[in-house]
Every structure is written in C-alpha cells, then in structure tokens.
Amino acid sequence: MTVLTGVKAPFELTQHAIAIKQQGIDFAIRSYSHQAGKNLSLAEARALTDAGIQIGVVWETAGPHLNYFSRAQGLADGAAAYLMAQSVITQPSGSAIYFAVDFNPGGDEIEGAIMRYFEGVNQAFQAAWPGESQYQVGVYGSGACCEAMIAAGLASLGWLTAPAEFLGSRDYAAYSLKQLAAALLPVDDGKKISVDLARNNEGRPAGLFRVL
C-alpha cells in the first residue's frame, strides 16, 4: 500500500474534482452531518470517483464541546450517519464512517462521555445491520482518543487530528489517517480553495471508498 495524499473540505468539491486530482490529491474527506449544505452528495461522490479520487467520510458534530457527547447522542448520530451512507450515498460495505471528537478531551472525559458516545454509535450500527456491521466505525480525534476507542473495540480506525499537543498525539503511530497543515490548492479560473491536507498510514486500511 502506498502513501496517499488527501484533503478534508467542509464544502462541495464536485466542480473541483479534476483540478485537485491534477494537484496530486488521491482522496477527499467529506462530511455527513445534520447540516445538509455541508454534506457529501451522491453526485459529488460520483464526480470524485470519476476523477480518480477516493472518498472518506466523517460525521461532524455541532461543535467541539464535551457536553455534546453522550450515549443518546451517539445513537442518534450513528443512526443518521448509517442511513445517509446506505440510502443517499450507497457507500460500499466494509468502508468507514469516522466520528469527530475535534477537541482535546482529558483522560477521564475520554473514558466517560466520549466512550459512551461511541457505545451509542456502535449500538446504532448494530441495530441498522444486525450481526456484523456493514460499515466500520472510525474515530477522528487525539492520539489518546483514537487509542482508547480502538482498544475498547468501539472503533477500528483512527484518524489523528492535526495539533501534536493534543493528549497522546505526538507519539501515536497506529493511525489510519493523519491530518496535516492547511493549504490553498489552485483550481479553475485562477481560484484557490482552502483545505486541510491529510495522508494515510502506509500498510494500514483507511476505510476509503468509491461509488458506482
């Protein structure tokens, strides 16, 4: 498996798919959320696939606040993400949906509210597809958060957020994806788009996919 370069974008990439592929981009991370305007669409997924770009998805919460995270919220988010993946995007079985913990929780917070949230996500996935889940659960967060969720069997893939100062992040090497610095990529008509760069970890699956 080779090292791939990707982008994370909070906006639609349909019209930029060919241009960013020409910039050496191998995959794009897009959103599932309760905000329709920022979500990946099937047309966008097909445009990215046609341009030769793999797709990753992350469920992004309302904000980086500990009080958002609970088992009930995990159930609600997990069910909504699963439905979007299956019914809207026709996301292939075996690929991943990452769930964002986009702040720096302490160890007790990870073992408490964050873990209960991922228990809810897993419960929703199991209810949607009894037996073996159709999709992998990924966690997008600090090294400590990724390590704890994977060790507890609540996630199978970890995407390491950018700040190395986050708890456990500096020495965490078992990530599937790693977020890098922000960048401006040139696209059509001399414009540039602001994205976050990312890369995979060679030899580790990242749950990326293409659509038909």
N, C-alpha and C. Protein backbone atom coordinates (compact mmCIF):
# COMPACT_ATOMS: atom_id res chain seq x y z
N MET A 1 0.85 -1.19 0.00
CA MET A 1 0.00 0.00 0.00
C MET A 1 0.88 1.24 0.00
N THR A 2 0.59 2.18 -0.87
CA THR A 2 1.40 3.39 -0.98
C THR A 2 0.83 4.49 -0.09
N VAL A 3 1.65 5.52 0.15
CA VAL A 3 1.20 6.68 0.91
C VAL A 3 0.36 7.56 -0.01
N LEU A 4 -0.82 7.89 0.43
CA LEU A 4 -1.74 8.70 -0.35
C LEU A 4 -1.88 10.08 0.29
N THR A 5 -2.09 11.08 -0.54
CA THR A 5 -2.32 12.45 -0.08
C THR A 5 -3.77 12.80 -0.27
N GLY A 6 -4.36 13.41 0.75
CA GLY A 6 -5.78 13.75 0.67
C GLY A 6 -6.07 15.15 1.16
N VAL A 7 -7.34 15.53 1.00
CA VAL A 7 -7.81 16.81 1.52
C VAL A 7 -9.07 16.57 2.34
N LYS A 8 -9.27 17.41 3.33
CA LYS A 8 -10.53 17.47 4.08
C LYS A 8 -11.15 18.82 3.77
N ALA A 9 -12.38 18.79 3.27
CA ALA A 9 -13.03 20.03 2.85
C ALA A 9 -14.45 20.08 3.43
N PRO A 10 -14.86 21.23 3.98
CA PRO A 10 -16.22 21.37 4.51
C PRO A 10 -17.21 21.88 3.46
N PHE A 11 -16.84 21.81 2.20
CA PHE A 11 -17.68 22.32 1.12
C PHE A 11 -17.63 21.35 -0.06
N GLU A 12 -18.56 21.52 -0.98
CA GLU A 12 -18.69 20.62 -2.12
C GLU A 12 -17.48 20.73 -3.05
N LEU A 13 -17.01 19.59 -3.52
CA LEU A 13 -15.83 19.54 -4.38
C LEU A 13 -16.15 19.12 -5.81
N THR A 14 -17.42 18.99 -6.14
CA THR A 14 -17.80 18.47 -7.46
C THR A 14 -17.09 19.20 -8.59
N GLN A 15 -17.16 20.52 -8.60
CA GLN A 15 -16.60 21.27 -9.71
C GLN A 15 -15.07 21.34 -9.68
N HIS A 16 -14.48 20.93 -8.56
CA HIS A 16 -13.02 20.99 -8.43
C HIS A 16 -12.36 19.62 -8.52
N ALA A 17 -13.14 18.57 -8.75
CA ALA A 17 -12.60 17.21 -8.66
C ALA A 17 -11.41 16.99 -9.59
N ILE A 18 -11.56 17.35 -10.84
CA ILE A 18 -10.47 17.12 -11.81
C ILE A 18 -9.26 17.98 -11.46
N ALA A 19 -9.51 19.23 -11.07
CA ALA A 19 -8.40 20.14 -10.76
C ALA A 19 -7.59 19.66 -9.56
N ILE A 20 -8.27 19.17 -8.51
CA ILE A 20 -7.49 18.74 -7.34
C ILE A 20 -6.78 17.42 -7.61
N LYS A 21 -7.36 16.58 -8.46
CA LYS A 21 -6.64 15.37 -8.87
C LYS A 21 -5.36 15.74 -9.58
N GLN A 22 -5.39 16.77 -10.38
CA GLN A 22 -4.20 17.23 -11.09
C GLN A 22 -3.15 17.82 -10.15
N GLN A 23 -3.57 18.16 -8.92
CA GLN A 23 -2.63 18.65 -7.91
C GLN A 23 -2.02 17.51 -7.10
N GLY A 24 -2.30 16.27 -7.48
CA GLY A 24 -1.73 15.12 -6.78
C GLY A 24 -2.55 14.62 -5.62
N ILE A 25 -3.84 14.98 -5.57
CA ILE A 25 -4.71 14.55 -4.48
C ILE A 25 -5.30 13.18 -4.80
N ASP A 26 -5.16 12.25 -3.87
CA ASP A 26 -5.63 10.87 -4.05
C ASP A 26 -6.97 10.59 -3.40
N PHE A 27 -7.29 11.32 -2.32
CA PHE A 27 -8.57 11.09 -1.65
C PHE A 27 -9.09 12.39 -1.06
N ALA A 28 -10.40 12.43 -0.85
CA ALA A 28 -11.06 13.60 -0.26
C ALA A 28 -11.95 13.15 0.88
N ILE A 29 -11.83 13.84 2.00
CA ILE A 29 -12.69 13.57 3.16
C ILE A 29 -13.82 14.60 3.16
N ARG A 30 -15.05 14.11 3.16
CA ARG A 30 -16.22 14.98 3.16
C ARG A 30 -17.13 14.62 4.32
N SER A 31 -18.15 15.42 4.51
CA SER A 31 -18.95 15.36 5.74
C SER A 31 -20.27 14.64 5.57
N TYR A 32 -20.67 13.96 6.64
CA TYR A 32 -22.05 13.63 6.95
C TYR A 32 -22.40 14.46 8.18
N SER A 33 -23.58 15.03 8.23
CA SER A 33 -23.96 15.85 9.38
C SER A 33 -25.45 16.13 9.31
N HIS A 34 -25.94 16.89 10.29
CA HIS A 34 -27.33 17.35 10.27
C HIS A 34 -27.48 18.63 9.45
N GLN A 35 -26.39 19.14 8.88
CA GLN A 35 -26.42 20.36 8.08
C GLN A 35 -26.32 19.97 6.61
N ALA A 36 -27.45 19.98 5.92
CA ALA A 36 -27.50 19.46 4.55
C ALA A 36 -26.51 20.16 3.63
N GLY A 37 -26.29 21.44 3.82
CA GLY A 37 -25.44 22.20 2.92
C GLY A 37 -23.98 21.80 2.91
N LYS A 38 -23.50 21.15 3.97
CA LYS A 38 -22.09 20.78 4.03
C LYS A 38 -21.87 19.30 3.72
N ASN A 39 -22.95 18.56 3.44
CA ASN A 39 -22.84 17.11 3.31
C ASN A 39 -22.40 16.67 1.92
N LEU A 40 -21.72 15.55 1.87
CA LEU A 40 -21.43 14.86 0.62
C LEU A 40 -22.75 14.45 -0.04
N SER A 41 -22.84 14.67 -1.35
CA SER A 41 -23.99 14.21 -2.11
C SER A 41 -23.57 13.06 -3.03
N LEU A 42 -24.55 12.34 -3.54
CA LEU A 42 -24.23 11.25 -4.45
C LEU A 42 -23.60 11.77 -5.73
N ALA A 43 -24.08 12.90 -6.24
CA ALA A 43 -23.49 13.48 -7.46
C ALA A 43 -22.04 13.86 -7.23
N GLU A 44 -21.74 14.41 -6.06
CA GLU A 44 -20.36 14.77 -5.73
C GLU A 44 -19.50 13.52 -5.59
N ALA A 45 -20.03 12.49 -4.93
CA ALA A 45 -19.28 11.25 -4.78
C ALA A 45 -18.96 10.64 -6.13
N ARG A 46 -19.90 10.70 -7.06
CA ARG A 46 -19.65 10.18 -8.41
C ARG A 46 -18.63 11.02 -9.15
N ALA A 47 -18.67 12.34 -8.97
CA ALA A 47 -17.69 13.21 -9.63
C ALA A 47 -16.28 12.93 -9.12
N LEU A 48 -16.15 12.75 -7.82
CA LEU A 48 -14.84 12.44 -7.24
C LEU A 48 -14.35 11.08 -7.74
N THR A 49 -15.24 10.09 -7.75
CA THR A 49 -14.88 8.76 -8.23
C THR A 49 -14.44 8.82 -9.69
N ASP A 50 -15.19 9.54 -10.52
CA ASP A 50 -14.86 9.64 -11.94
C ASP A 50 -13.51 10.32 -12.17
N ALA A 51 -13.12 11.20 -11.24
CA ALA A 51 -11.83 11.90 -11.35
C ALA A 51 -10.67 11.06 -10.81
N GLY A 52 -10.98 9.88 -10.27
CA GLY A 52 -9.94 9.01 -9.72
C GLY A 52 -9.58 9.32 -8.28
N ILE A 53 -10.50 9.97 -7.56
CA ILE A 53 -10.27 10.35 -6.17
C ILE A 53 -11.09 9.44 -5.26
N GLN A 54 -10.43 8.80 -4.30
CA GLN A 54 -11.15 8.02 -3.31
C GLN A 54 -11.83 8.95 -2.31
N ILE A 55 -12.81 8.42 -1.59
CA ILE A 55 -13.64 9.23 -0.70
C ILE A 55 -13.56 8.68 0.72
N GLY A 56 -13.48 9.58 1.68
CA GLY A 56 -13.65 9.25 3.08
C GLY A 56 -14.72 10.14 3.66
N VAL A 57 -15.39 9.68 4.71
CA VAL A 57 -16.47 10.49 5.29
C VAL A 57 -16.31 10.57 6.80
N VAL A 58 -16.69 11.72 7.33
CA VAL A 58 -16.64 11.94 8.77
C VAL A 58 -17.96 12.57 9.22
N TRP A 59 -18.56 12.01 10.27
CA TRP A 59 -19.72 12.62 10.89
C TRP A 59 -19.21 13.72 11.82
N GLU A 60 -19.62 14.95 11.54
CA GLU A 60 -19.14 16.09 12.32
C GLU A 60 -20.26 16.63 13.18
N THR A 61 -19.95 16.82 14.45
CA THR A 61 -20.93 17.26 15.43
C THR A 61 -21.13 18.77 15.36
N ALA A 62 -22.03 19.26 16.19
CA ALA A 62 -22.36 20.68 16.19
C ALA A 62 -21.17 21.55 16.62
N GLY A 63 -20.26 21.01 17.39
CA GLY A 63 -19.13 21.79 17.85
C GLY A 63 -18.27 20.99 18.80
N PRO A 64 -17.05 21.47 19.05
CA PRO A 64 -16.13 20.73 19.91
C PRO A 64 -16.40 20.95 21.39
N HIS A 65 -17.54 20.44 21.87
CA HIS A 65 -17.92 20.65 23.26
C HIS A 65 -18.18 19.30 23.92
N LEU A 66 -17.61 19.09 25.08
CA LEU A 66 -17.77 17.82 25.77
C LEU A 66 -19.23 17.51 26.05
N ASN A 67 -20.04 18.53 26.36
CA ASN A 67 -21.42 18.28 26.73
C ASN A 67 -22.27 17.80 25.56
N TYR A 68 -21.71 17.78 24.36
CA TYR A 68 -22.42 17.21 23.21
C TYR A 68 -22.45 15.69 23.29
N PHE A 69 -21.43 15.10 23.90
CA PHE A 69 -21.20 13.66 23.80
C PHE A 69 -21.93 12.89 24.89
N SER A 70 -22.75 11.92 24.45
CA SER A 70 -23.49 11.04 25.35
C SER A 70 -23.86 9.80 24.56
N ARG A 71 -24.32 8.77 25.27
CA ARG A 71 -24.76 7.56 24.57
C ARG A 71 -25.95 7.88 23.66
N ALA A 72 -26.90 8.68 24.14
CA ALA A 72 -28.07 9.02 23.34
C ALA A 72 -27.69 9.76 22.07
N GLN A 73 -26.72 10.69 22.20
CA GLN A 73 -26.29 11.43 21.01
C GLN A 73 -25.56 10.51 20.03
N GLY A 74 -24.78 9.57 20.56
CA GLY A 74 -24.13 8.59 19.70
C GLY A 74 -25.12 7.73 18.95
N LEU A 75 -26.18 7.33 19.63
CA LEU A 75 -27.25 6.57 18.97
C LEU A 75 -27.87 7.37 17.83
N ALA A 76 -28.18 8.64 18.09
CA ALA A 76 -28.82 9.48 17.08
C ALA A 76 -27.87 9.73 15.90
N ASP A 77 -26.62 10.07 16.20
CA ASP A 77 -25.66 10.35 15.13
C ASP A 77 -25.32 9.09 14.34
N GLY A 78 -25.15 7.98 15.06
CA GLY A 78 -24.84 6.73 14.37
C GLY A 78 -25.94 6.32 13.42
N ALA A 79 -27.19 6.44 13.86
CA ALA A 79 -28.32 6.07 13.01
C ALA A 79 -28.41 6.99 11.79
N ALA A 80 -28.23 8.30 12.01
CA ALA A 80 -28.32 9.24 10.89
C ALA A 80 -27.18 9.03 9.89
N ALA A 81 -25.97 8.80 10.39
CA ALA A 81 -24.82 8.57 9.51
C ALA A 81 -24.98 7.29 8.71
N TYR A 82 -25.45 6.25 9.36
CA TYR A 82 -25.63 4.95 8.69
C TYR A 82 -26.67 5.08 7.57
N LEU A 83 -27.77 5.77 7.87
CA LEU A 83 -28.83 5.95 6.89
C LEU A 83 -28.32 6.75 5.69
N MET A 84 -27.55 7.79 5.96
CA MET A 84 -27.01 8.61 4.87
C MET A 84 -26.06 7.79 4.00
N ALA A 85 -25.20 7.00 4.65
CA ALA A 85 -24.24 6.19 3.90
C ALA A 85 -24.95 5.18 3.02
N GLN A 86 -25.95 4.51 3.58
CA GLN A 86 -26.61 3.42 2.88
C GLN A 86 -27.62 3.90 1.84
N SER A 87 -28.44 4.87 2.22
CA SER A 87 -29.58 5.25 1.38
C SER A 87 -29.30 6.41 0.44
N VAL A 88 -28.40 7.32 0.82
CA VAL A 88 -28.12 8.50 0.00
C VAL A 88 -26.89 8.29 -0.89
N ILE A 89 -25.80 7.83 -0.28
CA ILE A 89 -24.53 7.74 -1.00
C ILE A 89 -24.31 6.35 -1.59
N THR A 90 -25.02 5.34 -1.11
CA THR A 90 -24.75 3.93 -1.47
C THR A 90 -23.28 3.60 -1.22
N GLN A 91 -22.82 4.01 -0.03
CA GLN A 91 -21.43 3.76 0.37
C GLN A 91 -21.18 2.25 0.45
N PRO A 92 -20.07 1.78 -0.12
CA PRO A 92 -19.84 0.33 -0.17
C PRO A 92 -19.63 -0.29 1.21
N SER A 93 -20.09 -1.51 1.36
CA SER A 93 -19.89 -2.27 2.58
C SER A 93 -18.40 -2.43 2.87
N GLY A 94 -18.05 -2.35 4.14
CA GLY A 94 -16.66 -2.51 4.55
C GLY A 94 -15.88 -1.22 4.65
N SER A 95 -16.39 -0.13 4.06
CA SER A 95 -15.74 1.17 4.20
C SER A 95 -16.11 1.78 5.55
N ALA A 96 -15.57 2.95 5.85
CA ALA A 96 -15.68 3.51 7.21
C ALA A 96 -16.47 4.79 7.24
N ILE A 97 -17.07 5.04 8.39
CA ILE A 97 -17.59 6.35 8.75
C ILE A 97 -16.85 6.78 10.02
N TYR A 98 -16.09 7.87 9.92
CA TYR A 98 -15.39 8.41 11.08
C TYR A 98 -16.35 9.34 11.85
N PHE A 99 -16.17 9.39 13.16
CA PHE A 99 -16.95 10.28 14.02
C PHE A 99 -15.97 11.22 14.73
N ALA A 100 -16.26 12.52 14.62
CA ALA A 100 -15.31 13.53 15.05
C ALA A 100 -15.37 13.82 16.54
N VAL A 101 -14.20 13.84 17.16
CA VAL A 101 -14.00 14.37 18.51
C VAL A 101 -12.95 15.45 18.34
N ASP A 102 -13.39 16.60 17.80
CA ASP A 102 -12.46 17.59 17.29
C ASP A 102 -12.08 18.62 18.35
N PHE A 103 -11.64 18.11 19.50
CA PHE A 103 -11.08 18.95 20.56
C PHE A 103 -10.17 18.05 21.38
N ASN A 104 -9.70 18.52 22.51
CA ASN A 104 -8.67 17.81 23.26
C ASN A 104 -9.21 17.36 24.62
N PRO A 105 -10.03 16.31 24.68
CA PRO A 105 -10.56 15.86 25.97
C PRO A 105 -9.48 15.22 26.82
N GLY A 106 -9.65 15.32 28.14
CA GLY A 106 -8.75 14.67 29.07
C GLY A 106 -9.05 13.19 29.19
N GLY A 107 -8.19 12.49 29.89
CA GLY A 107 -8.34 11.04 30.01
C GLY A 107 -9.66 10.62 30.62
N ASP A 108 -10.10 11.31 31.68
CA ASP A 108 -11.38 10.96 32.31
C ASP A 108 -12.55 11.24 31.39
N GLU A 109 -12.43 12.30 30.59
CA GLU A 109 -13.50 12.64 29.64
C GLU A 109 -13.57 11.61 28.52
N ILE A 110 -12.42 11.13 28.08
CA ILE A 110 -12.39 10.09 27.05
C ILE A 110 -13.04 8.82 27.58
N GLU A 111 -12.68 8.43 28.80
CA GLU A 111 -13.22 7.19 29.39
C GLU A 111 -14.69 7.34 29.80
N GLY A 112 -15.16 8.56 29.86
CA GLY A 112 -16.54 8.81 30.25
C GLY A 112 -17.43 9.13 29.07
N ALA A 113 -17.65 10.43 28.82
CA ALA A 113 -18.63 10.85 27.82
C ALA A 113 -18.28 10.40 26.41
N ILE A 114 -16.99 10.46 26.05
CA ILE A 114 -16.60 10.10 24.68
C ILE A 114 -16.84 8.61 24.44
N MET A 115 -16.47 7.79 25.42
CA MET A 115 -16.68 6.35 25.27
C MET A 115 -18.16 6.02 25.21
N ARG A 116 -18.98 6.67 26.01
CA ARG A 116 -20.42 6.42 25.96
C ARG A 116 -21.00 6.82 24.60
N TYR A 117 -20.48 7.90 24.03
CA TYR A 117 -20.92 8.33 22.70
C TYR A 117 -20.63 7.23 21.67
N PHE A 118 -19.43 6.67 21.68
CA PHE A 118 -19.09 5.64 20.71
C PHE A 118 -19.81 4.32 21.00
N GLU A 119 -20.18 4.09 22.24
CA GLU A 119 -21.05 2.94 22.53
C GLU A 119 -22.40 3.13 21.84
N GLY A 120 -22.91 4.35 21.86
CA GLY A 120 -24.16 4.65 21.18
C GLY A 120 -24.05 4.49 19.68
N VAL A 121 -22.96 4.98 19.10
CA VAL A 121 -22.72 4.82 17.66
C VAL A 121 -22.75 3.35 17.28
N ASN A 122 -22.00 2.54 18.02
CA ASN A 122 -21.95 1.11 17.73
C ASN A 122 -23.31 0.44 17.88
N GLN A 123 -24.06 0.85 18.88
CA GLN A 123 -25.39 0.29 19.08
C GLN A 123 -26.29 0.61 17.89
N ALA A 124 -26.18 1.84 17.38
CA ALA A 124 -26.98 2.24 16.21
C ALA A 124 -26.58 1.43 14.98
N PHE A 125 -25.29 1.22 14.78
CA PHE A 125 -24.82 0.43 13.64
C PHE A 125 -25.34 -1.00 13.74
N GLN A 126 -25.28 -1.57 14.92
CA GLN A 126 -25.73 -2.95 15.11
C GLN A 126 -27.23 -3.08 14.89
N ALA A 127 -27.98 -2.06 15.28
CA ALA A 127 -29.43 -2.08 15.07
C ALA A 127 -29.77 -1.95 13.59
N ALA A 128 -28.98 -1.15 12.87
CA ALA A 128 -29.24 -0.93 11.45
C ALA A 128 -28.90 -2.16 10.62
N TRP A 129 -27.91 -2.92 11.07
CA TRP A 129 -27.47 -4.10 10.32
C TRP A 129 -27.16 -5.20 11.32
N PRO A 130 -28.18 -5.93 11.78
CA PRO A 130 -27.96 -6.96 12.82
C PRO A 130 -26.88 -7.96 12.40
N GLY A 131 -26.10 -8.37 13.36
CA GLY A 131 -24.96 -9.24 13.07
C GLY A 131 -23.73 -8.39 12.84
N GLU A 132 -22.99 -8.67 11.81
CA GLU A 132 -21.79 -7.90 11.51
C GLU A 132 -22.16 -6.60 10.82
N SER A 133 -21.64 -5.48 11.32
CA SER A 133 -21.98 -4.18 10.76
C SER A 133 -21.49 -4.05 9.33
N GLN A 134 -22.26 -3.32 8.52
CA GLN A 134 -21.89 -3.11 7.13
C GLN A 134 -20.73 -2.12 7.02
N TYR A 135 -20.63 -1.18 7.95
CA TYR A 135 -19.61 -0.14 7.92
C TYR A 135 -18.71 -0.21 9.15
N GLN A 136 -17.46 0.18 8.96
CA GLN A 136 -16.53 0.29 10.06
C GLN A 136 -16.73 1.63 10.78
N VAL A 137 -16.55 1.63 12.07
CA VAL A 137 -16.57 2.87 12.85
C VAL A 137 -15.14 3.39 12.96
N GLY A 138 -14.95 4.64 12.59
CA GLY A 138 -13.67 5.30 12.77
C GLY A 138 -13.80 6.44 13.76
N VAL A 139 -12.69 6.81 14.39
CA VAL A 139 -12.68 7.94 15.31
C VAL A 139 -11.69 8.98 14.80
N TYR A 140 -12.12 10.21 14.77
CA TYR A 140 -11.29 11.35 14.37
C TYR A 140 -11.02 12.17 15.62
N GLY A 141 -9.79 12.09 16.13
CA GLY A 141 -9.50 12.79 17.37
C GLY A 141 -8.03 12.72 17.74
N SER A 142 -7.77 12.98 19.00
CA SER A 142 -6.40 12.96 19.52
C SER A 142 -5.86 11.54 19.54
N GLY A 143 -4.56 11.42 19.72
CA GLY A 143 -3.96 10.10 19.84
C GLY A 143 -4.55 9.30 20.98
N ALA A 144 -4.77 9.95 22.12
CA ALA A 144 -5.34 9.26 23.28
C ALA A 144 -6.77 8.81 23.00
N CYS A 145 -7.53 9.64 22.29
CA CYS A 145 -8.91 9.30 21.98
C CYS A 145 -8.97 8.13 20.99
N CYS A 146 -8.15 8.20 19.93
CA CYS A 146 -8.10 7.10 18.96
C CYS A 146 -7.69 5.79 19.65
N GLU A 147 -6.65 5.86 20.45
CA GLU A 147 -6.14 4.66 21.11
C GLU A 147 -7.19 4.04 22.03
N ALA A 148 -7.90 4.88 22.79
CA ALA A 148 -8.87 4.36 23.75
C ALA A 148 -10.07 3.73 23.04
N MET A 149 -10.59 4.36 21.99
CA MET A 149 -11.76 3.82 21.31
C MET A 149 -11.42 2.51 20.60
N ILE A 150 -10.24 2.43 20.01
CA ILE A 150 -9.83 1.20 19.33
C ILE A 150 -9.57 0.09 20.34
N ALA A 151 -8.92 0.42 21.45
CA ALA A 151 -8.65 -0.58 22.48
C ALA A 151 -9.94 -1.14 23.08
N ALA A 152 -10.97 -0.30 23.16
CA ALA A 152 -12.25 -0.73 23.72
C ALA A 152 -13.12 -1.47 22.70
N GLY A 153 -12.64 -1.58 21.47
CA GLY A 153 -13.42 -2.23 20.44
C GLY A 153 -14.57 -1.39 19.91
N LEU A 154 -14.53 -0.09 20.16
CA LEU A 154 -15.60 0.81 19.73
C LEU A 154 -15.29 1.50 18.41
N ALA A 155 -14.08 1.36 17.92
CA ALA A 155 -13.67 1.87 16.61
C ALA A 155 -12.59 0.94 16.08
N SER A 156 -12.50 0.84 14.78
CA SER A 156 -11.46 0.02 14.18
C SER A 156 -10.41 0.84 13.46
N LEU A 157 -10.69 2.14 13.24
CA LEU A 157 -9.78 3.02 12.52
C LEU A 157 -9.64 4.33 13.27
N GLY A 158 -8.42 4.88 13.29
CA GLY A 158 -8.18 6.15 13.95
C GLY A 158 -7.62 7.18 12.97
N TRP A 159 -8.21 8.37 13.00
CA TRP A 159 -7.74 9.50 12.18
C TRP A 159 -7.24 10.56 13.15
N LEU A 160 -5.96 10.82 13.10
CA LEU A 160 -5.30 11.69 14.06
C LEU A 160 -5.47 13.15 13.66
N THR A 161 -6.02 13.96 14.57
CA THR A 161 -6.18 15.39 14.30
C THR A 161 -4.82 16.08 14.28
N ALA A 162 -4.82 17.31 13.77
CA ALA A 162 -3.57 17.99 13.49
C ALA A 162 -2.74 18.39 14.71
N PRO A 163 -3.29 18.98 15.77
CA PRO A 163 -2.40 19.51 16.81
C PRO A 163 -1.60 18.41 17.53
N ALA A 164 -0.29 18.46 17.41
CA ALA A 164 0.55 17.47 18.07
C ALA A 164 0.49 17.59 19.59
N GLU A 165 0.00 18.75 20.07
CA GLU A 165 -0.08 18.98 21.51
C GLU A 165 -1.27 18.28 22.14
N PHE A 166 -2.19 17.77 21.36
CA PHE A 166 -3.34 17.05 21.92
C PHE A 166 -2.86 15.81 22.67
N LEU A 167 -3.64 15.40 23.63
CA LEU A 167 -3.27 14.31 24.51
C LEU A 167 -2.94 13.03 23.72
N GLY A 168 -1.72 12.54 23.90
CA GLY A 168 -1.31 11.30 23.28
C GLY A 168 -1.01 11.35 21.80
N SER A 169 -1.06 12.53 21.20
CA SER A 169 -0.94 12.62 19.74
C SER A 169 0.51 12.55 19.25
N ARG A 170 1.43 13.14 19.99
CA ARG A 170 2.79 13.27 19.48
C ARG A 170 3.43 11.91 19.16
N ASP A 171 3.16 10.91 19.97
CA ASP A 171 3.80 9.61 19.79
C ASP A 171 2.86 8.54 19.25
N TYR A 172 1.66 8.93 18.82
CA TYR A 172 0.70 7.94 18.35
C TYR A 172 1.01 7.58 16.90
N ALA A 173 1.38 6.33 16.67
CA ALA A 173 1.80 5.90 15.33
C ALA A 173 0.83 4.93 14.68
N ALA A 174 -0.22 4.52 15.38
CA ALA A 174 -1.12 3.49 14.87
C ALA A 174 -2.33 4.07 14.13
N TYR A 175 -2.21 5.31 13.66
CA TYR A 175 -3.32 5.95 12.96
C TYR A 175 -3.51 5.35 11.56
N SER A 176 -4.73 5.46 11.06
CA SER A 176 -5.03 5.11 9.66
C SER A 176 -4.90 6.34 8.76
N LEU A 177 -5.34 7.50 9.29
CA LEU A 177 -5.19 8.77 8.60
C LEU A 177 -4.60 9.78 9.57
N LYS A 178 -3.88 10.74 9.01
CA LYS A 178 -3.31 11.81 9.83
C LYS A 178 -3.56 13.14 9.14
N GLN A 179 -4.15 14.08 9.90
CA GLN A 179 -4.38 15.40 9.34
C GLN A 179 -3.10 16.22 9.41
N LEU A 180 -2.86 16.98 8.33
CA LEU A 180 -1.65 17.79 8.23
C LEU A 180 -2.05 19.27 8.23
N ALA A 181 -1.21 20.10 7.67
CA ALA A 181 -1.44 21.54 7.69
C ALA A 181 -2.52 21.95 6.68
N ALA A 182 -3.06 23.12 6.88
CA ALA A 182 -3.98 23.70 5.91
C ALA A 182 -3.20 24.12 4.67
N ALA A 183 -3.90 24.17 3.54
CA ALA A 183 -3.24 24.53 2.28
C ALA A 183 -4.24 25.22 1.36
N LEU A 184 -3.72 25.99 0.41
CA LEU A 184 -4.51 26.59 -0.65
C LEU A 184 -4.19 25.84 -1.93
N LEU A 185 -5.20 25.24 -2.54
CA LEU A 185 -4.99 24.50 -3.78
C LEU A 185 -5.54 25.29 -4.96
N PRO A 186 -4.74 25.46 -6.01
CA PRO A 186 -5.25 26.14 -7.21
C PRO A 186 -6.26 25.27 -7.94
N VAL A 187 -7.35 25.89 -8.37
CA VAL A 187 -8.37 25.17 -9.15
C VAL A 187 -8.64 25.98 -10.41
N ASP A 188 -9.83 25.86 -10.96
CA ASP A 188 -10.12 26.50 -12.24
C ASP A 188 -10.21 28.02 -12.11
N ASP A 189 -9.97 28.69 -13.25
CA ASP A 189 -10.11 30.14 -13.36
C ASP A 189 -9.23 30.91 -12.38
N GLY A 190 -8.08 30.33 -12.03
CA GLY A 190 -7.13 31.01 -11.16
C GLY A 190 -7.55 31.09 -9.71
N LYS A 191 -8.62 30.42 -9.35
CA LYS A 191 -9.08 30.44 -7.96
C LYS A 191 -8.28 29.46 -7.12
N LYS A 192 -8.35 29.62 -5.80
CA LYS A 192 -7.74 28.69 -4.87
C LYS A 192 -8.78 28.31 -3.81
N ILE A 193 -8.71 27.06 -3.36
CA ILE A 193 -9.61 26.61 -2.30
C ILE A 193 -8.79 26.28 -1.06
N SER A 194 -9.36 26.58 0.09
CA SER A 194 -8.69 26.33 1.37
C SER A 194 -9.14 24.98 1.91
N VAL A 195 -8.18 24.09 2.11
CA VAL A 195 -8.47 22.73 2.59
C VAL A 195 -7.45 22.35 3.66
N ASP A 196 -7.74 21.29 4.38
CA ASP A 196 -6.76 20.66 5.26
C ASP A 196 -6.18 19.45 4.55
N LEU A 197 -4.88 19.33 4.52
CA LEU A 197 -4.24 18.18 3.90
C LEU A 197 -4.24 17.00 4.88
N ALA A 198 -4.16 15.81 4.34
CA ALA A 198 -4.12 14.58 5.15
C ALA A 198 -3.32 13.54 4.38
N ARG A 199 -2.91 12.52 5.09
CA ARG A 199 -2.28 11.38 4.42
C ARG A 199 -2.66 10.10 5.16
N ASN A 200 -2.53 9.00 4.46
CA ASN A 200 -2.80 7.72 5.10
C ASN A 200 -1.53 7.19 5.74
N ASN A 201 -1.64 6.10 6.46
CA ASN A 201 -0.51 5.43 7.09
C ASN A 201 -0.24 4.17 6.27
N GLU A 202 0.88 4.14 5.60
CA GLU A 202 1.19 3.04 4.70
C GLU A 202 1.07 1.70 5.42
N GLY A 203 0.33 0.80 4.81
CA GLY A 203 0.15 -0.53 5.38
C GLY A 203 -1.06 -0.67 6.26
N ARG A 204 -1.78 0.44 6.52
CA ARG A 204 -2.99 0.39 7.34
C ARG A 204 -4.20 0.80 6.52
N PRO A 205 -5.29 0.04 6.58
CA PRO A 205 -6.50 0.44 5.85
C PRO A 205 -7.07 1.72 6.42
N ALA A 206 -7.72 2.50 5.56
CA ALA A 206 -8.27 3.79 6.00
C ALA A 206 -9.77 3.89 5.78
N GLY A 207 -10.40 2.84 5.23
CA GLY A 207 -11.85 2.87 5.06
C GLY A 207 -12.34 3.74 3.93
N LEU A 208 -11.46 4.07 2.98
CA LEU A 208 -11.84 4.91 1.85
C LEU A 208 -12.67 4.09 0.85
N PHE A 209 -13.37 4.80 -0.03
CA PHE A 209 -14.24 4.09 -0.98
C PHE A 209 -14.44 4.88 -2.27
N ARG A 210 -15.01 4.20 -3.24
CA ARG A 210 -15.51 4.79 -4.47
C ARG A 210 -16.97 4.37 -4.63
N VAL A 211 -17.72 5.11 -5.43
CA VAL A 211 -19.12 4.74 -5.69
C VAL A 211 -19.28 4.40 -7.17
N LEU A 212 -20.37 3.72 -7.48
CA LEU A 212 -20.68 3.36 -8.87
C LEU A 212 -21.40 4.51 -9.57
